Amino acid sequence: MRSSNVTQLEPIQASWKISEVIGRYPQIVDELAGLNATFRLLRNPVARRVQARLVTVAQAAQIAGMEPDDLVSFLNASIGVAADSASTDVPVSSQLADVPAWIDQAPVAEVDARALQRQGQEPFSAIAAAMRQAAPGEVVRLRSTFEPVPLYTVLRQRGFAHFSQQIGEDDWDVLLYNAGRTRMPEVSTPAPPSSADLDADWSAPDATITIDVSELVPPEPLVRIMEALEQLPSGGRLLVHHVRRPVHLYPQLDQSGYRHQTRELGPGKVELLIEKPALR
């Protein structure tokens, strides 16, 4: 279905998130599903809400085995816009140039994210937890329904290499290798758990540190929050701007004695205030 009001339509760019494309042009879901079987999952509203927000057009092209320029051109043609198809956000190759020797190593942890992904849930906290188990020179195995291209940037930042293979329809085997960096940060435990909610004054939260993780791709939000908590002084407060309630973070905060409170400001707008326990 093509729009007749071409002059008011903005050309789709390779750097746009798929969620932005669908938000502006909802009819494009059927166009994508008909183009490539990889995009049929977008017809599932739950899965679409999670996955489409994480992946750019260029990354979606790589996941589907397409050239980013081809997908950009297809999307713009679908809405009736002629646009320069030059990609500005071409992702890095998903695989290493050569098969690495470490692919034969037994993994120290395994994450099967396929069931969660089919239900539209995010498996990234489980992936981050598995990565923390890998010392330098050790491997983690991930099974996914798609090639997790958005994860690769986070892997590089954390000193991990990767090797991906598609072994079936909606079935990817991804090995994550700790190339020598230290383990991902753990939450310190300076005091016993406290179940008391934080008495937060949202008009003046008096946060020692404020971070915004709303534009980050999981598991980077969790990693950034953990790193910020480590920097907090005893009794300090961290204010986090997020797009959702970080439900997988709460048990870790409770176990470590952090008091916290969350408020929802609107769709995709959440604030989390965390107070580090005072040393005794």
Protein backbone atom coordinates (compact mmCIF):
# COMPACT_ATOMS: atom_id res chain seq x y z
CA MET A 1 0.00 0.00 0.00
CA ARG A 2 1.57 3.26 -1.14
CA SER A 3 0.86 6.73 0.15
CA SER A 4 -0.37 9.37 -2.28
CA ASN A 5 0.94 12.26 -0.18
CA VAL A 6 4.58 11.84 -1.14
CA THR A 7 5.66 15.38 -0.36
CA GLN A 8 4.94 14.97 3.36
CA LEU A 9 6.78 11.68 3.78
CA GLU A 10 10.30 11.63 5.18
CA PRO A 11 12.65 9.10 3.55
CA ILE A 12 13.50 6.15 5.76
CA GLN A 13 17.16 6.00 6.76
CA ALA A 14 19.40 3.02 7.49
CA SER A 15 20.02 4.40 10.99
CA TRP A 16 16.31 4.43 11.94
CA LYS A 17 15.10 1.87 14.45
CA ILE A 18 12.55 -0.57 13.00
CA SER A 19 10.13 0.62 15.69
CA GLU A 20 10.39 4.15 14.28
CA VAL A 21 9.70 2.90 10.77
CA ILE A 22 6.63 0.97 11.92
CA GLY A 23 5.47 3.84 14.12
CA ARG A 24 5.43 6.22 11.17
CA TYR A 25 4.28 3.72 8.56
CA PRO A 26 2.30 0.88 10.24
CA GLN A 27 1.33 -0.67 6.89
CA ILE A 28 4.96 -1.57 6.30
CA VAL A 29 4.78 -4.58 8.66
CA ASP A 30 2.98 -6.62 5.98
CA GLU A 31 5.42 -5.39 3.33
CA LEU A 32 8.36 -6.59 5.42
CA ALA A 33 6.74 -9.92 6.27
CA GLY A 34 6.20 -10.57 2.59
CA LEU A 35 9.75 -9.58 1.68
CA ASN A 36 11.65 -11.93 3.98
CA ALA A 37 10.62 -14.69 6.38
CA THR A 38 12.86 -13.17 9.06
CA PHE A 39 10.47 -10.24 9.38
CA ARG A 40 7.33 -12.33 9.95
CA LEU A 41 7.92 -12.07 13.70
CA LEU A 42 7.00 -8.38 13.41
CA ARG A 43 3.37 -9.44 13.00
CA ASN A 44 3.45 -10.53 16.65
CA PRO A 45 2.65 -7.34 18.64
CA VAL A 46 4.52 -8.53 21.72
CA ALA A 47 7.66 -9.51 19.84
CA ARG A 48 7.44 -6.34 17.76
CA ARG A 49 7.35 -4.14 20.86
CA VAL A 50 10.60 -5.67 22.14
CA GLN A 51 12.71 -6.50 19.09
CA ALA A 52 11.77 -3.62 16.77
CA ARG A 53 12.93 -1.04 19.32
CA LEU A 54 16.41 -2.55 19.48
CA VAL A 55 17.31 -3.01 15.82
CA THR A 56 18.12 -0.43 13.16
CA VAL A 57 17.14 -0.84 9.52
CA ALA A 58 20.76 -1.60 8.62
CA GLN A 59 21.02 -4.21 11.37
CA ALA A 60 17.69 -5.76 10.36
CA ALA A 61 19.03 -6.12 6.83
CA GLN A 62 22.06 -8.03 8.07
CA ILE A 63 19.89 -10.27 10.25
CA ALA A 64 17.78 -11.06 7.19
CA GLY A 65 20.83 -11.66 4.96
CA MET A 66 20.21 -8.55 2.85
CA GLU A 67 22.26 -5.54 1.86
CA PRO A 68 21.29 -2.49 3.96
CA ASP A 69 20.96 -0.35 0.84
CA ASP A 70 18.50 -2.84 -0.66
CA LEU A 71 16.28 -2.80 2.42
CA VAL A 72 16.37 1.01 2.62
CA SER A 73 15.34 1.22 -1.04
CA PHE A 74 12.57 -1.35 -0.54
CA LEU A 75 11.14 0.46 2.48
CA ASN A 76 11.12 3.83 0.76
CA ALA A 77 9.57 2.35 -2.37
CA SER A 78 6.88 0.77 -0.18
CA ILE A 79 5.79 4.17 1.11
CA GLY A 80 6.16 5.83 -2.27
CA VAL A 81 9.32 7.81 -1.62
CA ALA A 82 12.35 8.01 -3.88
CA ALA A 83 15.42 8.36 -1.69
CA ASP A 84 19.16 8.01 -1.82
CA SER A 85 19.75 4.49 -0.56
CA ALA A 86 23.26 5.12 0.76
CA SER A 87 23.50 3.50 4.17
CA THR A 88 24.93 5.51 7.04
CA ASP A 89 24.69 2.78 9.65
CA VAL A 90 26.03 -0.40 8.08
CA PRO A 91 26.71 -2.91 10.85
CA VAL A 92 29.95 -4.76 11.24
CA SER A 93 30.21 -8.28 9.92
CA SER A 94 28.57 -10.76 12.23
CA GLN A 95 31.37 -13.28 11.94
CA LEU A 96 35.12 -13.17 12.26
CA ALA A 97 37.08 -13.37 9.02
CA ASP A 98 38.57 -16.74 9.99
CA VAL A 99 37.18 -19.55 12.09
CA PRO A 100 38.83 -19.01 15.49
CA ALA A 101 40.54 -21.79 17.40
CA TRP A 102 38.44 -21.15 20.50
CA ILE A 103 35.19 -22.38 18.92
CA ASP A 104 36.09 -25.90 20.06
CA GLN A 105 36.28 -24.88 23.71
CA ALA A 106 33.59 -26.12 26.08
CA PRO A 107 31.46 -23.14 27.13
CA VAL A 108 31.43 -22.17 30.80
CA ALA A 109 27.82 -21.01 30.49
CA GLU A 110 24.97 -21.40 28.00
CA VAL A 111 21.93 -19.23 27.36
CA ASP A 112 19.01 -20.48 25.26
CA ALA A 113 17.09 -17.31 24.47
CA ARG A 114 14.76 -18.78 21.85
CA ALA A 115 11.71 -19.41 24.05
CA LEU A 116 11.92 -15.93 25.59
CA GLN A 117 12.32 -14.29 22.18
CA ARG A 118 9.27 -16.09 20.78
CA GLN A 119 7.27 -14.77 23.73
CA GLY A 120 8.49 -11.24 23.07
CA GLN A 121 10.62 -11.10 26.22
CA GLU A 122 14.14 -9.74 26.53
CA PRO A 123 16.85 -12.32 27.29
CA PHE A 124 19.66 -9.80 27.65
CA SER A 125 19.91 -9.87 31.42
CA ALA A 126 20.50 -13.63 31.22
CA ILE A 127 23.15 -13.05 28.53
CA ALA A 128 24.88 -10.42 30.68
CA ALA A 129 24.87 -12.78 33.67
CA ALA A 130 26.45 -15.54 31.56
CA MET A 131 29.11 -13.14 30.27
CA ARG A 132 30.07 -12.31 33.85
CA GLN A 133 30.86 -15.99 34.40
CA ALA A 134 33.45 -16.04 31.60
CA ALA A 135 37.00 -15.33 32.68
CA PRO A 136 39.56 -14.26 30.03
CA GLY A 137 40.00 -17.10 27.55
CA GLU A 138 36.59 -18.66 28.28
CA VAL A 139 33.54 -19.05 26.05
CA VAL A 140 29.78 -18.57 26.49
CA ARG A 141 27.25 -20.13 24.10
CA LEU A 142 24.08 -18.31 23.08
CA ARG A 143 21.17 -19.79 21.10
CA SER A 144 18.93 -17.22 19.43
CA THR A 145 16.04 -17.09 16.95
CA PHE A 146 17.95 -14.44 14.99
CA GLU A 147 21.50 -13.22 14.63
CA PRO A 148 21.88 -10.82 17.59
CA VAL A 149 23.56 -8.04 15.63
CA PRO A 150 22.67 -5.29 18.19
CA LEU A 151 24.56 -7.27 20.84
CA TYR A 152 27.85 -7.17 18.96
CA THR A 153 28.61 -3.55 19.82
CA VAL A 154 28.20 -4.33 23.52
CA LEU A 155 30.43 -7.39 23.13
CA ARG A 156 33.24 -5.35 21.61
CA GLN A 157 32.96 -2.78 24.39
CA ARG A 158 33.27 -5.57 26.96
CA GLY A 159 36.29 -7.18 25.29
CA PHE A 160 34.37 -10.15 23.84
CA ALA A 161 34.78 -11.61 20.36
CA HIS A 162 31.99 -13.62 18.73
CA PHE A 163 31.37 -16.27 16.12
CA SER A 164 27.86 -16.89 14.74
CA GLN A 165 26.39 -19.71 12.71
CA GLN A 166 22.84 -20.27 11.53
CA ILE A 167 22.04 -23.93 12.14
CA GLY A 168 18.35 -23.91 11.23
CA GLU A 169 15.33 -21.73 10.60
CA ASP A 170 15.04 -19.23 13.47
CA ASP A 171 18.02 -20.91 15.14
CA TRP A 172 21.42 -19.28 15.57
CA ASP A 173 24.39 -20.60 17.52
CA VAL A 174 26.57 -17.74 18.80
CA LEU A 175 29.82 -18.19 20.72
CA LEU A 176 31.03 -15.31 22.89
CA TYR A 177 34.73 -15.35 23.74
CA ASN A 178 36.30 -13.28 26.51
CA ALA A 179 39.39 -12.04 24.70
CA GLY A 180 41.18 -10.85 27.83
CA ARG A 181 39.24 -8.09 29.55
CA THR A 182 38.24 -8.49 33.17
CA ARG A 183 34.84 -9.85 34.05
CA MET A 184 31.81 -7.62 33.83
CA PRO A 185 31.20 -5.61 37.01
CA GLU A 186 29.46 -7.22 39.95
CA VAL A 187 27.25 -5.44 42.44
CA SER A 188 29.04 -4.99 45.77
CA THR A 189 27.34 -6.10 48.98
CA PRO A 190 28.22 -3.64 51.71
CA ALA A 191 25.10 -4.19 53.82
CA PRO A 192 22.35 -6.78 54.41
CA PRO A 193 19.26 -6.67 52.18
CA SER A 194 16.63 -4.09 52.98
CA SER A 195 13.03 -4.43 51.87
CA ALA A 196 12.20 -0.81 52.69
CA ASP A 197 11.22 1.36 49.73
CA LEU A 198 13.20 4.51 49.15
CA ASP A 199 11.50 7.66 50.40
CA ALA A 200 12.00 9.53 47.15
CA ASP A 201 11.35 13.22 46.63
CA TRP A 202 10.95 13.24 42.87
CA SER A 203 10.81 17.01 42.70
CA ALA A 204 14.37 17.11 44.08
CA PRO A 205 15.80 13.58 44.05
CA ASP A 206 19.24 14.78 45.20
CA ALA A 207 20.93 12.19 43.00
CA THR A 208 24.70 11.89 43.28
CA ILE A 209 24.87 10.52 39.72
CA THR A 210 22.29 10.74 36.91
CA ILE A 211 22.47 8.51 33.83
CA ASP A 212 20.22 8.04 30.79
CA VAL A 213 20.10 4.49 29.39
CA SER A 214 16.95 4.95 27.32
CA GLU A 215 18.80 4.87 23.98
CA LEU A 216 21.11 1.97 24.81
CA VAL A 217 20.76 -1.55 23.47
CA PRO A 218 20.47 -4.31 26.10
CA PRO A 219 22.40 -5.55 27.96
CA GLU A 220 24.23 -2.20 27.99
CA PRO A 221 21.61 -0.46 30.22
CA LEU A 222 22.15 -3.08 32.92
CA VAL A 223 25.93 -2.79 32.57
CA ARG A 224 25.84 1.02 32.75
CA ILE A 225 23.67 0.94 35.88
CA MET A 226 26.02 -1.55 37.56
CA GLU A 227 29.04 0.58 36.72
CA ALA A 228 27.34 3.71 38.04
CA LEU A 229 26.43 1.95 41.28
CA GLU A 230 30.07 1.04 41.79
CA GLN A 231 31.00 4.72 41.49
CA LEU A 232 28.42 5.84 44.05
CA PRO A 233 29.73 6.83 47.46
CA SER A 234 28.23 5.22 50.54
CA GLY A 235 24.67 6.51 50.93
CA GLY A 236 24.70 8.11 47.47
CA ARG A 237 21.78 8.07 45.07
CA LEU A 238 21.64 7.15 41.39
CA LEU A 239 18.88 8.50 39.14
CA VAL A 240 18.31 6.41 36.01
CA HIS A 241 16.25 7.45 32.99
CA HIS A 242 14.97 4.27 31.33
CA VAL A 243 12.32 3.09 28.87
CA ARG A 244 10.93 0.33 31.10
CA ARG A 245 11.00 -1.10 34.59
CA PRO A 246 14.26 -3.08 34.87
CA VAL A 247 12.58 -6.09 36.46
CA HIS A 248 15.71 -8.26 36.27
CA LEU A 249 17.70 -5.65 38.18
CA TYR A 250 15.41 -5.46 41.21
CA PRO A 251 16.39 -8.83 42.77
CA GLN A 252 20.08 -7.88 42.54
CA LEU A 253 19.40 -4.53 44.21
CA ASP A 254 17.39 -6.15 47.00
CA GLN A 255 20.02 -8.80 47.64
CA SER A 256 22.71 -6.14 47.89
CA GLY A 257 20.82 -3.86 50.26
CA TYR A 258 20.06 -1.06 47.80
CA ARG A 259 16.83 0.84 48.39
CA HIS A 260 15.04 1.84 45.21
CA GLN A 261 11.87 3.33 43.83
CA THR A 262 10.50 3.47 40.29
CA ARG A 263 7.96 5.77 38.70
CA GLU A 264 6.44 5.67 35.22
CA LEU A 265 6.14 9.04 33.51
CA GLY A 266 4.41 7.72 30.41
CA PRO A 267 4.85 5.16 27.60
CA GLY A 268 8.55 4.37 27.30
CA LYS A 269 9.52 6.80 30.07
CA VAL A 270 10.58 5.42 33.45
CA GLU A 271 12.74 6.85 36.22
CA LEU A 272 14.52 4.71 38.77
CA LEU A 273 16.06 6.15 41.93
CA ILE A 274 18.55 3.89 43.73
CA GLU A 275 20.24 4.57 47.07
CA LYS A 276 23.47 2.82 47.95
CA PRO A 277 23.53 1.42 51.48
CA ALA A 278 25.67 3.29 53.97
CA LEU A 279 28.73 1.46 55.22
CA ARG A 280 28.49 0.34 58.83
